[in-house]
N, C-alpha and C. Protein backbone atom coordinates (compact mmCIF):
# COMPACT_ATOMS: atom_id res chain seq x y z
N MET A 1 125.99 57.43 88.07
CA MET A 1 125.05 58.32 88.73
C MET A 1 125.78 59.51 89.37
N LYS A 2 127.00 59.24 89.84
CA LYS A 2 127.77 60.31 90.47
C LYS A 2 128.13 61.39 89.44
N ASP A 3 128.39 60.96 88.19
CA ASP A 3 128.68 61.94 87.13
C ASP A 3 127.47 62.84 86.88
N PHE A 4 126.29 62.25 86.91
CA PHE A 4 125.07 63.04 86.73
C PHE A 4 124.89 64.03 87.87
N ALA A 5 125.19 63.60 89.09
CA ALA A 5 125.10 64.49 90.25
C ALA A 5 126.10 65.64 90.12
N GLU A 6 127.29 65.33 89.58
CA GLU A 6 128.29 66.38 89.37
C GLU A 6 127.80 67.37 88.31
N LEU A 7 127.19 66.87 87.25
CA LEU A 7 126.60 67.74 86.23
C LEU A 7 125.53 68.64 86.85
N LEU A 8 124.71 68.07 87.71
CA LEU A 8 123.69 68.87 88.39
C LEU A 8 124.33 69.95 89.26
N GLY A 9 125.45 69.61 89.89
CA GLY A 9 126.18 70.61 90.67
C GLY A 9 126.62 71.78 89.82
N TRP A 10 127.09 71.49 88.62
CA TRP A 10 127.49 72.57 87.71
C TRP A 10 126.27 73.37 87.23
N ILE A 11 125.16 72.70 87.01
CA ILE A 11 123.93 73.40 86.63
C ILE A 11 123.50 74.34 87.76
N ILE A 12 123.63 73.88 89.00
CA ILE A 12 123.32 74.73 90.15
C ILE A 12 124.23 75.95 90.15
N ALA A 13 125.53 75.73 89.95
CA ALA A 13 126.50 76.83 89.96
C ALA A 13 126.22 77.83 88.84
N ILE A 14 125.90 77.34 87.66
CA ILE A 14 125.60 78.23 86.53
C ILE A 14 124.30 78.99 86.79
N GLY A 15 123.28 78.30 87.26
CA GLY A 15 122.01 78.97 87.59
C GLY A 15 122.20 80.04 88.64
N TYR A 16 122.97 79.71 89.67
CA TYR A 16 123.26 80.69 90.72
C TYR A 16 124.06 81.86 90.15
N GLY A 17 125.03 81.55 89.28
CA GLY A 17 125.84 82.61 88.68
C GLY A 17 125.01 83.58 87.86
N ILE A 18 124.08 83.05 87.09
CA ILE A 18 123.20 83.92 86.29
C ILE A 18 122.31 84.75 87.21
N ALA A 19 121.76 84.11 88.23
CA ALA A 19 120.89 84.83 89.16
C ALA A 19 121.68 85.89 89.93
N PHE A 20 122.91 85.58 90.33
CA PHE A 20 123.74 86.53 91.07
C PHE A 20 124.18 87.67 90.16
N ALA A 21 124.39 87.37 88.87
CA ALA A 21 124.79 88.40 87.91
C ALA A 21 123.72 89.48 87.79
N ASN A 22 122.48 89.14 88.05
CA ASN A 22 121.39 90.12 88.02
C ASN A 22 121.72 91.30 88.93
N PHE A 23 122.10 91.01 90.16
CA PHE A 23 122.45 92.07 91.11
C PHE A 23 123.71 92.81 90.66
N LEU A 24 124.74 92.06 90.28
CA LEU A 24 126.01 92.69 89.91
C LEU A 24 125.86 93.62 88.70
N LEU A 25 125.18 93.15 87.67
CA LEU A 25 125.02 93.98 86.47
C LEU A 25 124.21 95.23 86.75
N LYS A 26 123.17 95.11 87.56
CA LYS A 26 122.38 96.30 87.91
C LYS A 26 123.21 97.28 88.74
N TYR A 27 124.00 96.76 89.67
CA TYR A 27 124.85 97.61 90.51
C TYR A 27 125.88 98.34 89.65
N ILE A 28 126.55 97.61 88.77
CA ILE A 28 127.55 98.23 87.89
C ILE A 28 126.89 99.26 87.00
N ASN A 29 125.70 98.97 86.49
CA ASN A 29 124.98 99.93 85.65
C ASN A 29 124.67 101.20 86.42
N ARG A 30 124.18 101.05 87.65
CA ARG A 30 123.80 102.19 88.47
C ARG A 30 125.00 103.05 88.86
N LYS A 31 126.12 102.41 89.18
CA LYS A 31 127.28 103.13 89.70
C LYS A 31 128.23 103.64 88.62
N TYR A 32 128.37 102.88 87.53
CA TYR A 32 129.43 103.21 86.57
C TYR A 32 128.94 103.44 85.15
N ILE A 33 128.08 102.59 84.64
CA ILE A 33 127.69 102.66 83.23
C ILE A 33 126.96 103.96 82.93
N VAL A 34 126.15 104.44 83.85
CA VAL A 34 125.43 105.69 83.61
C VAL A 34 126.38 106.88 83.49
N LYS A 35 127.61 106.73 83.98
CA LYS A 35 128.59 107.82 83.93
C LYS A 35 129.53 107.72 82.73
N VAL A 36 129.39 106.69 81.92
CA VAL A 36 130.25 106.50 80.76
C VAL A 36 129.92 107.57 79.72
N PRO A 37 130.96 108.18 79.12
CA PRO A 37 130.72 109.23 78.12
C PRO A 37 129.91 108.72 76.92
N LYS A 38 129.23 109.64 76.27
CA LYS A 38 128.38 109.31 75.11
C LYS A 38 129.17 108.66 73.98
N SER A 39 130.47 108.94 73.91
CA SER A 39 131.29 108.37 72.84
C SER A 39 131.39 106.84 72.94
N TYR A 40 131.06 106.28 74.08
CA TYR A 40 131.08 104.84 74.28
C TYR A 40 129.68 104.23 74.27
N LYS A 41 128.74 104.94 73.66
CA LYS A 41 127.35 104.50 73.65
C LYS A 41 127.18 103.08 73.10
N LYS A 42 127.95 102.74 72.09
CA LYS A 42 127.85 101.41 71.49
C LYS A 42 128.14 100.32 72.54
N TYR A 43 129.17 100.52 73.35
CA TYR A 43 129.52 99.55 74.39
C TYR A 43 128.47 99.52 75.49
N VAL A 44 127.95 100.69 75.82
CA VAL A 44 126.89 100.77 76.83
C VAL A 44 125.66 100.01 76.36
N ASP A 45 125.34 100.16 75.08
CA ASP A 45 124.19 99.45 74.52
C ASP A 45 124.38 97.93 74.60
N TYR A 46 125.59 97.45 74.28
CA TYR A 46 125.88 96.01 74.39
C TYR A 46 125.74 95.54 75.84
N TYR A 47 126.26 96.34 76.76
CA TYR A 47 126.18 96.00 78.18
C TYR A 47 124.72 95.87 78.60
N ARG A 48 123.91 96.81 78.17
CA ARG A 48 122.50 96.80 78.58
C ARG A 48 121.73 95.66 77.92
N ILE A 49 122.14 95.25 76.74
CA ILE A 49 121.51 94.08 76.11
C ILE A 49 121.78 92.83 76.95
N VAL A 50 123.03 92.66 77.36
CA VAL A 50 123.39 91.53 78.22
C VAL A 50 122.62 91.62 79.53
N MET A 51 122.57 92.82 80.10
CA MET A 51 121.88 93.02 81.37
C MET A 51 120.40 92.67 81.23
N ARG A 52 119.80 93.06 80.13
CA ARG A 52 118.38 92.79 79.91
C ARG A 52 118.10 91.28 79.89
N TYR A 53 118.99 90.51 79.21
CA TYR A 53 118.80 89.06 79.18
C TYR A 53 118.98 88.43 80.55
N VAL A 54 119.97 88.90 81.30
CA VAL A 54 120.20 88.36 82.64
C VAL A 54 118.99 88.66 83.53
N ILE A 55 118.47 89.87 83.45
CA ILE A 55 117.29 90.23 84.25
C ILE A 55 116.09 89.37 83.84
N ARG A 56 115.92 89.18 82.55
CA ARG A 56 114.78 88.41 82.05
C ARG A 56 114.82 86.96 82.55
N TYR A 57 116.01 86.37 82.62
CA TYR A 57 116.13 84.96 82.99
C TYR A 57 116.54 84.73 84.44
N HIS A 58 116.52 85.77 85.26
CA HIS A 58 116.89 85.67 86.67
C HIS A 58 116.03 84.64 87.41
N LYS A 59 114.74 84.76 87.28
CA LYS A 59 113.82 83.83 87.98
C LYS A 59 113.99 82.41 87.46
N LEU A 60 114.06 82.27 86.15
CA LEU A 60 114.20 80.95 85.55
C LEU A 60 115.50 80.28 86.01
N ALA A 61 116.57 81.05 86.08
CA ALA A 61 117.86 80.51 86.55
C ALA A 61 117.74 80.05 88.00
N GLY A 62 117.05 80.82 88.81
CA GLY A 62 116.85 80.44 90.21
C GLY A 62 116.03 79.17 90.35
N TYR A 63 114.97 79.06 89.59
CA TYR A 63 114.13 77.86 89.66
C TYR A 63 114.86 76.63 89.11
N ALA A 64 115.63 76.82 88.03
CA ALA A 64 116.41 75.70 87.49
C ALA A 64 117.45 75.24 88.51
N ALA A 65 118.07 76.20 89.19
CA ALA A 65 119.04 75.86 90.23
C ALA A 65 118.36 75.09 91.36
N ALA A 66 117.15 75.48 91.71
CA ALA A 66 116.42 74.80 92.79
C ALA A 66 116.10 73.36 92.43
N ILE A 67 115.63 73.14 91.22
CA ILE A 67 115.31 71.78 90.78
C ILE A 67 116.57 70.92 90.74
N ALA A 68 117.64 71.49 90.17
CA ALA A 68 118.91 70.76 90.12
C ALA A 68 119.44 70.50 91.53
N LEU A 69 119.25 71.46 92.43
CA LEU A 69 119.72 71.33 93.81
C LEU A 69 119.04 70.16 94.52
N ILE A 70 117.74 70.09 94.41
CA ILE A 70 116.99 69.02 95.08
C ILE A 70 117.41 67.65 94.54
N THR A 71 117.54 67.55 93.22
CA THR A 71 117.95 66.29 92.61
C THR A 71 119.38 65.94 93.01
N HIS A 72 120.27 66.92 92.95
CA HIS A 72 121.68 66.74 93.34
C HIS A 72 121.77 66.25 94.79
N PHE A 73 120.98 66.88 95.66
CA PHE A 73 121.00 66.52 97.07
C PHE A 73 120.61 65.06 97.29
N PHE A 74 119.52 64.63 96.68
CA PHE A 74 119.06 63.25 96.89
C PHE A 74 120.04 62.22 96.31
N ILE A 75 120.60 62.52 95.15
CA ILE A 75 121.56 61.59 94.56
C ILE A 75 122.81 61.49 95.44
N MET A 76 123.37 62.63 95.82
CA MET A 76 124.60 62.61 96.62
C MET A 76 124.35 62.04 98.01
N TYR A 77 123.19 62.29 98.57
CA TYR A 77 122.87 61.72 99.88
C TYR A 77 122.85 60.19 99.81
N ASN A 78 122.29 59.66 98.75
CA ASN A 78 122.22 58.20 98.59
C ASN A 78 123.57 57.58 98.25
N ILE A 79 124.46 58.35 97.62
CA ILE A 79 125.77 57.82 97.24
C ILE A 79 126.79 57.96 98.37
N GLU A 80 126.91 59.17 98.91
CA GLU A 80 127.98 59.46 99.87
C GLU A 80 127.49 59.81 101.27
N GLY A 81 126.23 59.97 101.46
CA GLY A 81 125.73 60.39 102.77
C GLY A 81 125.61 61.90 102.83
N LEU A 82 125.39 62.39 104.04
CA LEU A 82 125.12 63.81 104.23
C LEU A 82 126.41 64.62 104.27
N SER A 83 126.46 65.68 103.48
CA SER A 83 127.55 66.64 103.52
C SER A 83 127.03 67.87 104.26
N ILE A 84 127.66 68.21 105.36
CA ILE A 84 127.20 69.34 106.17
C ILE A 84 127.32 70.65 105.39
N THR A 85 128.44 70.83 104.68
CA THR A 85 128.61 72.07 103.90
C THR A 85 127.59 72.13 102.76
N GLY A 86 127.32 70.97 102.15
CA GLY A 86 126.31 70.93 101.09
C GLY A 86 124.92 71.21 101.63
N LEU A 87 124.62 70.67 102.79
CA LEU A 87 123.32 70.92 103.41
C LEU A 87 123.15 72.40 103.76
N ALA A 88 124.21 73.00 104.28
CA ALA A 88 124.15 74.44 104.62
C ALA A 88 123.91 75.27 103.36
N ALA A 89 124.66 74.97 102.29
CA ALA A 89 124.48 75.70 101.03
C ALA A 89 123.07 75.49 100.48
N ALA A 90 122.57 74.26 100.58
CA ALA A 90 121.23 73.95 100.07
C ALA A 90 120.15 74.72 100.84
N ILE A 91 120.28 74.76 102.16
CA ILE A 91 119.29 75.49 102.96
C ILE A 91 119.31 76.97 102.62
N ILE A 92 120.50 77.54 102.51
CA ILE A 92 120.60 78.97 102.16
C ILE A 92 119.98 79.22 100.80
N MET A 93 120.30 78.35 99.82
CA MET A 93 119.75 78.55 98.48
C MET A 93 118.23 78.42 98.47
N LEU A 94 117.70 77.47 99.19
CA LEU A 94 116.24 77.30 99.23
C LEU A 94 115.55 78.48 99.91
N VAL A 95 116.19 79.05 100.93
CA VAL A 95 115.63 80.25 101.58
C VAL A 95 115.65 81.42 100.60
N ILE A 96 116.76 81.56 99.85
CA ILE A 96 116.85 82.63 98.85
C ILE A 96 115.75 82.47 97.80
N ILE A 97 115.55 81.25 97.34
CA ILE A 97 114.53 81.00 96.32
C ILE A 97 113.13 81.24 96.88
N ALA A 98 112.90 80.83 98.11
CA ALA A 98 111.60 81.08 98.74
C ALA A 98 111.34 82.58 98.89
N LEU A 99 112.36 83.33 99.29
CA LEU A 99 112.20 84.79 99.39
C LEU A 99 111.95 85.41 98.02
N GLY A 100 112.66 84.91 97.00
CA GLY A 100 112.44 85.41 95.64
C GLY A 100 111.03 85.13 95.15
N ALA A 101 110.53 83.93 95.42
CA ALA A 101 109.15 83.59 95.04
C ALA A 101 108.16 84.45 95.81
N TYR A 102 108.44 84.66 97.10
CA TYR A 102 107.59 85.53 97.92
C TYR A 102 107.53 86.93 97.31
N GLY A 103 108.67 87.46 96.93
CA GLY A 103 108.72 88.79 96.35
C GLY A 103 108.10 88.87 94.96
N ALA A 104 108.22 87.80 94.20
CA ALA A 104 107.70 87.80 92.84
C ALA A 104 106.19 87.63 92.79
N PHE A 105 105.64 86.86 93.73
CA PHE A 105 104.23 86.50 93.63
C PHE A 105 103.34 87.05 94.75
N ILE A 106 103.90 87.34 95.91
CA ILE A 106 103.07 87.75 97.04
C ILE A 106 103.28 89.22 97.39
N ASN A 107 104.49 89.58 97.74
CA ASN A 107 104.79 90.95 98.16
C ASN A 107 105.69 91.59 97.12
N LYS A 108 105.12 92.33 96.21
CA LYS A 108 105.89 92.89 95.10
C LYS A 108 106.53 94.23 95.43
N ASN A 109 106.67 94.52 96.71
CA ASN A 109 107.34 95.75 97.15
C ASN A 109 108.85 95.52 97.09
N PHE A 110 109.50 96.12 96.08
CA PHE A 110 110.92 95.89 95.88
C PHE A 110 111.79 96.77 96.77
N LYS A 111 111.20 97.42 97.73
CA LYS A 111 111.97 98.15 98.73
C LYS A 111 111.82 97.50 100.10
N GLY A 112 111.18 96.34 100.11
CA GLY A 112 110.91 95.65 101.37
C GLY A 112 112.14 94.95 101.92
N SER A 113 112.03 94.54 103.16
CA SER A 113 113.15 93.87 103.83
C SER A 113 113.43 92.50 103.21
N TRP A 114 112.43 91.88 102.59
CA TRP A 114 112.65 90.58 101.97
C TRP A 114 113.73 90.66 100.91
N LEU A 115 113.79 91.77 100.16
CA LEU A 115 114.78 91.90 99.09
C LEU A 115 116.18 92.07 99.67
N LYS A 116 116.31 92.81 100.75
CA LYS A 116 117.63 92.97 101.39
C LYS A 116 118.14 91.63 101.90
N ILE A 117 117.26 90.86 102.51
CA ILE A 117 117.65 89.53 103.01
C ILE A 117 118.00 88.62 101.84
N HIS A 118 117.20 88.67 100.77
CA HIS A 118 117.42 87.87 99.56
C HIS A 118 118.81 88.16 99.00
N ARG A 119 119.18 89.42 98.91
CA ARG A 119 120.50 89.81 98.37
C ARG A 119 121.63 89.43 99.31
N ASN A 120 121.47 89.71 100.59
CA ASN A 120 122.54 89.40 101.54
C ASN A 120 122.80 87.91 101.65
N LEU A 121 121.75 87.13 101.62
CA LEU A 121 121.93 85.68 101.66
C LEU A 121 122.63 85.17 100.40
N SER A 122 122.48 85.89 99.28
CA SER A 122 123.17 85.49 98.06
C SER A 122 124.68 85.58 98.22
N PHE A 123 125.13 86.60 98.94
CA PHE A 123 126.57 86.70 99.21
C PHE A 123 127.02 85.59 100.16
N LEU A 124 126.20 85.29 101.15
CA LEU A 124 126.52 84.20 102.07
C LEU A 124 126.54 82.87 101.32
N LEU A 125 125.65 82.71 100.36
CA LEU A 125 125.62 81.48 99.57
C LEU A 125 126.90 81.31 98.76
N LEU A 126 127.44 82.40 98.26
CA LEU A 126 128.69 82.35 97.51
C LEU A 126 129.79 81.73 98.38
N ILE A 127 129.89 82.18 99.61
CA ILE A 127 130.87 81.64 100.55
C ILE A 127 130.55 80.18 100.88
N SER A 128 129.29 79.89 101.06
CA SER A 128 128.86 78.54 101.42
C SER A 128 129.15 77.54 100.30
N ILE A 129 128.91 77.93 99.06
CA ILE A 129 129.20 77.05 97.93
C ILE A 129 130.70 76.82 97.81
N ALA A 130 131.48 77.89 97.99
CA ALA A 130 132.94 77.76 97.93
C ALA A 130 133.43 76.78 99.00
N SER A 131 132.90 76.89 100.20
CA SER A 131 133.32 75.97 101.27
C SER A 131 132.88 74.54 100.96
N HIS A 132 131.72 74.38 100.35
CA HIS A 132 131.24 73.04 99.98
C HIS A 132 132.17 72.41 98.94
N LEU A 133 132.63 73.20 98.00
CA LEU A 133 133.51 72.66 96.95
C LEU A 133 134.92 72.39 97.46
N LEU A 134 135.36 73.18 98.42
CA LEU A 134 136.74 73.05 98.91
C LEU A 134 136.90 72.06 100.06
N ILE A 135 135.83 71.81 100.79
CA ILE A 135 135.94 70.92 101.96
C ILE A 135 135.44 69.53 101.60
């Protein structure tokens, strides 16, 4: 069962990585890719194809990470007890997912404060996951 929980942990990490890549790829596109000379159009097109897929599956990756997170949490809690760093990472991730769902279904204003909090917490989650894995 512990091996399954570890697999779920990797699914969480991959889901989070795909969801986090959404922001990174858009940022890189906005700051750098738009300035690439026309002679590199082929590479820009490939970049944008990858970006399009990441954007398309951003929500799905977040929801998959949430389902894996809840399952991972219950399995690990029953095997090893409560991990404070894991609990902190889980709470941050669930808040991020709740904000994402709020923005996707309730308040579709993409200039709202919910999006800034959603993005900033994603960076905090990166640190939180790293501490969970290292401690």
